[in-house]
N, C-alpha and C. Protein backbone atom coordinates (compact mmCIF):
# COMPACT_ATOMS: atom_id res chain seq x y z
N ASP A 1 -21.01 27.39 -1.20
CA ASP A 1 -21.50 26.40 -2.14
C ASP A 1 -21.47 24.98 -1.54
N GLY A 2 -21.45 24.85 -0.24
CA GLY A 2 -21.46 23.54 0.40
C GLY A 2 -20.10 22.89 0.51
N ASN A 3 -19.04 23.65 0.32
CA ASN A 3 -17.69 23.13 0.44
C ASN A 3 -16.90 23.91 1.47
N VAL A 4 -15.91 23.25 2.02
CA VAL A 4 -14.92 23.93 2.85
C VAL A 4 -13.64 23.98 2.03
N ILE A 5 -12.97 25.12 2.07
CA ILE A 5 -11.75 25.30 1.29
C ILE A 5 -10.61 25.62 2.23
N VAL A 6 -9.51 24.90 2.04
CA VAL A 6 -8.28 25.14 2.80
C VAL A 6 -7.21 25.48 1.79
N GLU A 7 -6.51 26.57 2.04
CA GLU A 7 -5.45 26.99 1.13
C GLU A 7 -4.15 27.08 1.91
N ILE A 8 -3.12 26.44 1.37
CA ILE A 8 -1.79 26.45 2.00
C ILE A 8 -0.83 27.07 1.00
N CYS A 9 -0.17 28.15 1.42
CA CYS A 9 0.71 28.89 0.52
C CYS A 9 2.08 29.08 1.16
N ASP A 10 3.09 29.24 0.30
CA ASP A 10 4.40 29.64 0.79
C ASP A 10 4.98 30.69 -0.14
N ASN A 11 6.11 31.22 0.25
CA ASN A 11 6.73 32.28 -0.54
C ASN A 11 8.08 31.84 -1.10
N GLY A 12 8.21 30.55 -1.40
CA GLY A 12 9.45 30.00 -1.93
C GLY A 12 9.64 30.29 -3.40
N PRO A 13 10.54 29.54 -4.03
CA PRO A 13 10.90 29.81 -5.42
C PRO A 13 9.82 29.43 -6.43
N GLY A 14 8.81 28.70 -6.02
CA GLY A 14 7.74 28.30 -6.93
C GLY A 14 8.04 26.98 -7.60
N ILE A 15 7.04 26.44 -8.27
CA ILE A 15 7.17 25.20 -9.01
C ILE A 15 7.20 25.58 -10.49
N PRO A 16 8.23 25.16 -11.21
CA PRO A 16 8.34 25.55 -12.61
C PRO A 16 7.10 25.15 -13.42
N PRO A 17 6.65 26.02 -14.31
CA PRO A 17 5.44 25.74 -15.10
C PRO A 17 5.48 24.41 -15.84
N GLU A 18 6.66 24.00 -16.30
CA GLU A 18 6.76 22.78 -17.10
C GLU A 18 6.53 21.50 -16.29
N ILE A 19 6.54 21.59 -14.95
CA ILE A 19 6.26 20.38 -14.16
C ILE A 19 4.98 20.48 -13.33
N GLN A 20 4.33 21.63 -13.35
CA GLN A 20 3.13 21.80 -12.53
C GLN A 20 2.05 20.77 -12.85
N ALA A 21 1.88 20.42 -14.11
CA ALA A 21 0.83 19.47 -14.50
C ALA A 21 1.14 18.05 -14.04
N ARG A 22 2.38 17.79 -13.61
CA ARG A 22 2.78 16.44 -13.25
C ARG A 22 2.88 16.20 -11.75
N VAL A 23 2.75 17.22 -10.91
CA VAL A 23 3.06 17.06 -9.49
C VAL A 23 2.16 16.05 -8.77
N PHE A 24 0.98 15.75 -9.30
CA PHE A 24 0.09 14.78 -8.66
C PHE A 24 0.24 13.37 -9.23
N GLU A 25 1.13 13.19 -10.21
CA GLU A 25 1.36 11.87 -10.80
C GLU A 25 2.09 10.96 -9.81
N PRO A 26 1.74 9.65 -9.81
CA PRO A 26 2.47 8.74 -8.92
C PRO A 26 3.93 8.65 -9.34
N PHE A 27 4.79 8.66 -8.34
CA PHE A 27 6.25 8.52 -8.48
C PHE A 27 6.94 9.71 -9.12
N PHE A 28 6.22 10.79 -9.38
CA PHE A 28 6.88 11.98 -9.93
C PHE A 28 7.63 12.68 -8.81
N THR A 29 8.89 12.95 -9.03
CA THR A 29 9.69 13.69 -8.06
C THR A 29 10.78 14.45 -8.79
N THR A 30 11.23 15.52 -8.19
CA THR A 30 12.35 16.26 -8.73
C THR A 30 13.63 15.91 -7.96
N LYS A 31 13.50 15.03 -6.99
CA LYS A 31 14.65 14.63 -6.18
C LYS A 31 15.48 13.58 -6.91
N ALA A 32 16.70 13.43 -6.47
CA ALA A 32 17.60 12.44 -7.05
C ALA A 32 17.08 11.03 -6.79
N PRO A 33 17.42 10.07 -7.65
CA PRO A 33 17.02 8.67 -7.42
C PRO A 33 17.43 8.20 -6.03
N GLY A 34 16.53 7.49 -5.37
CA GLY A 34 16.80 6.98 -4.03
C GLY A 34 16.47 7.96 -2.91
N VAL A 35 16.05 9.16 -3.26
CA VAL A 35 15.71 10.18 -2.25
C VAL A 35 14.22 10.47 -2.37
N GLY A 36 13.41 9.76 -1.62
CA GLY A 36 11.96 9.96 -1.68
C GLY A 36 11.34 9.12 -2.78
N THR A 37 10.03 8.94 -2.68
CA THR A 37 9.33 8.07 -3.62
C THR A 37 8.46 8.83 -4.61
N GLY A 38 8.18 10.09 -4.33
CA GLY A 38 7.31 10.85 -5.22
C GLY A 38 5.85 10.44 -5.11
N LEU A 39 5.45 9.95 -3.94
CA LEU A 39 4.06 9.51 -3.76
C LEU A 39 3.22 10.46 -2.92
N GLY A 40 3.83 11.39 -2.22
CA GLY A 40 3.09 12.23 -1.28
C GLY A 40 1.92 12.98 -1.88
N LEU A 41 2.14 13.70 -2.96
CA LEU A 41 1.04 14.47 -3.56
C LEU A 41 0.06 13.57 -4.28
N ASN A 42 0.51 12.44 -4.80
CA ASN A 42 -0.41 11.49 -5.44
C ASN A 42 -1.34 10.87 -4.40
N ILE A 43 -0.82 10.50 -3.26
CA ILE A 43 -1.66 9.96 -2.18
C ILE A 43 -2.65 11.01 -1.72
N THR A 44 -2.18 12.23 -1.54
CA THR A 44 -3.06 13.33 -1.15
C THR A 44 -4.18 13.51 -2.16
N TYR A 45 -3.83 13.54 -3.44
CA TYR A 45 -4.80 13.70 -4.52
C TYR A 45 -5.86 12.60 -4.46
N ASN A 46 -5.43 11.36 -4.30
CA ASN A 46 -6.36 10.22 -4.27
C ASN A 46 -7.30 10.28 -3.07
N ILE A 47 -6.80 10.64 -1.92
CA ILE A 47 -7.65 10.76 -0.72
C ILE A 47 -8.71 11.84 -0.94
N ILE A 48 -8.30 12.97 -1.46
CA ILE A 48 -9.24 14.07 -1.71
C ILE A 48 -10.29 13.65 -2.74
N GLN A 49 -9.89 12.97 -3.80
CA GLN A 49 -10.83 12.49 -4.81
C GLN A 49 -11.85 11.52 -4.21
N LYS A 50 -11.40 10.63 -3.34
CA LYS A 50 -12.31 9.66 -2.72
C LYS A 50 -13.34 10.34 -1.83
N HIS A 51 -13.04 11.55 -1.38
CA HIS A 51 -13.99 12.31 -0.57
C HIS A 51 -14.75 13.33 -1.41
N HIS A 52 -14.72 13.14 -2.74
CA HIS A 52 -15.45 14.00 -3.69
C HIS A 52 -14.99 15.45 -3.66
N GLY A 53 -13.71 15.63 -3.37
CA GLY A 53 -13.15 16.98 -3.35
C GLY A 53 -12.20 17.18 -4.50
N LYS A 54 -11.47 18.28 -4.42
CA LYS A 54 -10.46 18.55 -5.45
C LYS A 54 -9.30 19.32 -4.82
N ILE A 55 -8.15 19.18 -5.46
CA ILE A 55 -6.96 19.92 -5.05
C ILE A 55 -6.42 20.62 -6.27
N GLU A 56 -6.04 21.86 -6.09
CA GLU A 56 -5.53 22.68 -7.19
C GLU A 56 -4.21 23.31 -6.79
N LEU A 57 -3.40 23.56 -7.77
CA LEU A 57 -2.09 24.18 -7.56
C LEU A 57 -2.01 25.46 -8.37
N GLU A 58 -1.51 26.51 -7.73
CA GLU A 58 -1.15 27.75 -8.41
C GLU A 58 0.26 28.08 -7.96
N SER A 59 1.16 28.31 -8.90
CA SER A 59 2.53 28.58 -8.50
C SER A 59 3.20 29.56 -9.44
N GLN A 60 3.95 30.45 -8.84
CA GLN A 60 4.81 31.38 -9.55
C GLN A 60 5.93 31.72 -8.59
N PRO A 61 7.03 32.24 -9.07
CA PRO A 61 8.11 32.59 -8.14
C PRO A 61 7.61 33.50 -7.02
N GLY A 62 7.88 33.11 -5.80
CA GLY A 62 7.48 33.90 -4.64
C GLY A 62 6.14 33.54 -4.05
N LYS A 63 5.37 32.67 -4.72
CA LYS A 63 4.07 32.27 -4.16
C LYS A 63 3.59 30.96 -4.81
N THR A 64 3.44 29.95 -3.97
CA THR A 64 2.86 28.68 -4.38
C THR A 64 1.72 28.37 -3.44
N CYS A 65 0.57 28.04 -3.99
CA CYS A 65 -0.61 27.72 -3.18
C CYS A 65 -1.23 26.40 -3.63
N PHE A 66 -1.55 25.57 -2.66
CA PHE A 66 -2.37 24.39 -2.89
C PHE A 66 -3.72 24.69 -2.27
N ARG A 67 -4.78 24.51 -3.03
CA ARG A 67 -6.15 24.78 -2.56
C ARG A 67 -6.92 23.47 -2.56
N VAL A 68 -7.40 23.08 -1.38
CA VAL A 68 -8.17 21.85 -1.22
C VAL A 68 -9.62 22.24 -0.96
N SER A 69 -10.52 21.65 -1.73
CA SER A 69 -11.96 21.88 -1.56
C SER A 69 -12.62 20.55 -1.27
N LEU A 70 -13.35 20.47 -0.17
CA LEU A 70 -14.05 19.26 0.23
C LEU A 70 -15.51 19.58 0.55
N PRO A 71 -16.41 18.69 0.18
CA PRO A 71 -17.81 18.94 0.49
C PRO A 71 -18.06 18.86 2.01
N LEU A 72 -18.95 19.71 2.48
CA LEU A 72 -19.30 19.68 3.91
C LEU A 72 -20.06 18.41 4.25
N ARG A 73 -20.79 17.87 3.28
CA ARG A 73 -21.52 16.62 3.48
C ARG A 73 -21.04 15.62 2.45
N LEU A 74 -20.85 14.37 2.90
CA LEU A 74 -20.40 13.33 2.01
C LEU A 74 -21.50 12.97 1.03
N LYS A 75 -21.16 12.94 -0.25
CA LYS A 75 -22.11 12.57 -1.30
C LYS A 75 -22.08 11.05 -1.43
N ILE A 76 -23.22 10.43 -1.25
CA ILE A 76 -23.29 8.97 -1.31
C ILE A 76 -23.89 8.55 -2.64
């Protein structure tokens, strides 16, 4: 469909359902105060959006996947 898709998965404990909707929010983190800024996934989300792409998360115990879809040609 004119997009390239990259999927990155792991087999860790998963991301709890109650926080999955928030992982792309600026400053959201599950780490203790003073440990990280919670900007990594928000920056990633914004870069992908600026390139007219999308990033999706699927997570359950034992499998978490981030799927990035970017257009093969830049839409102007």
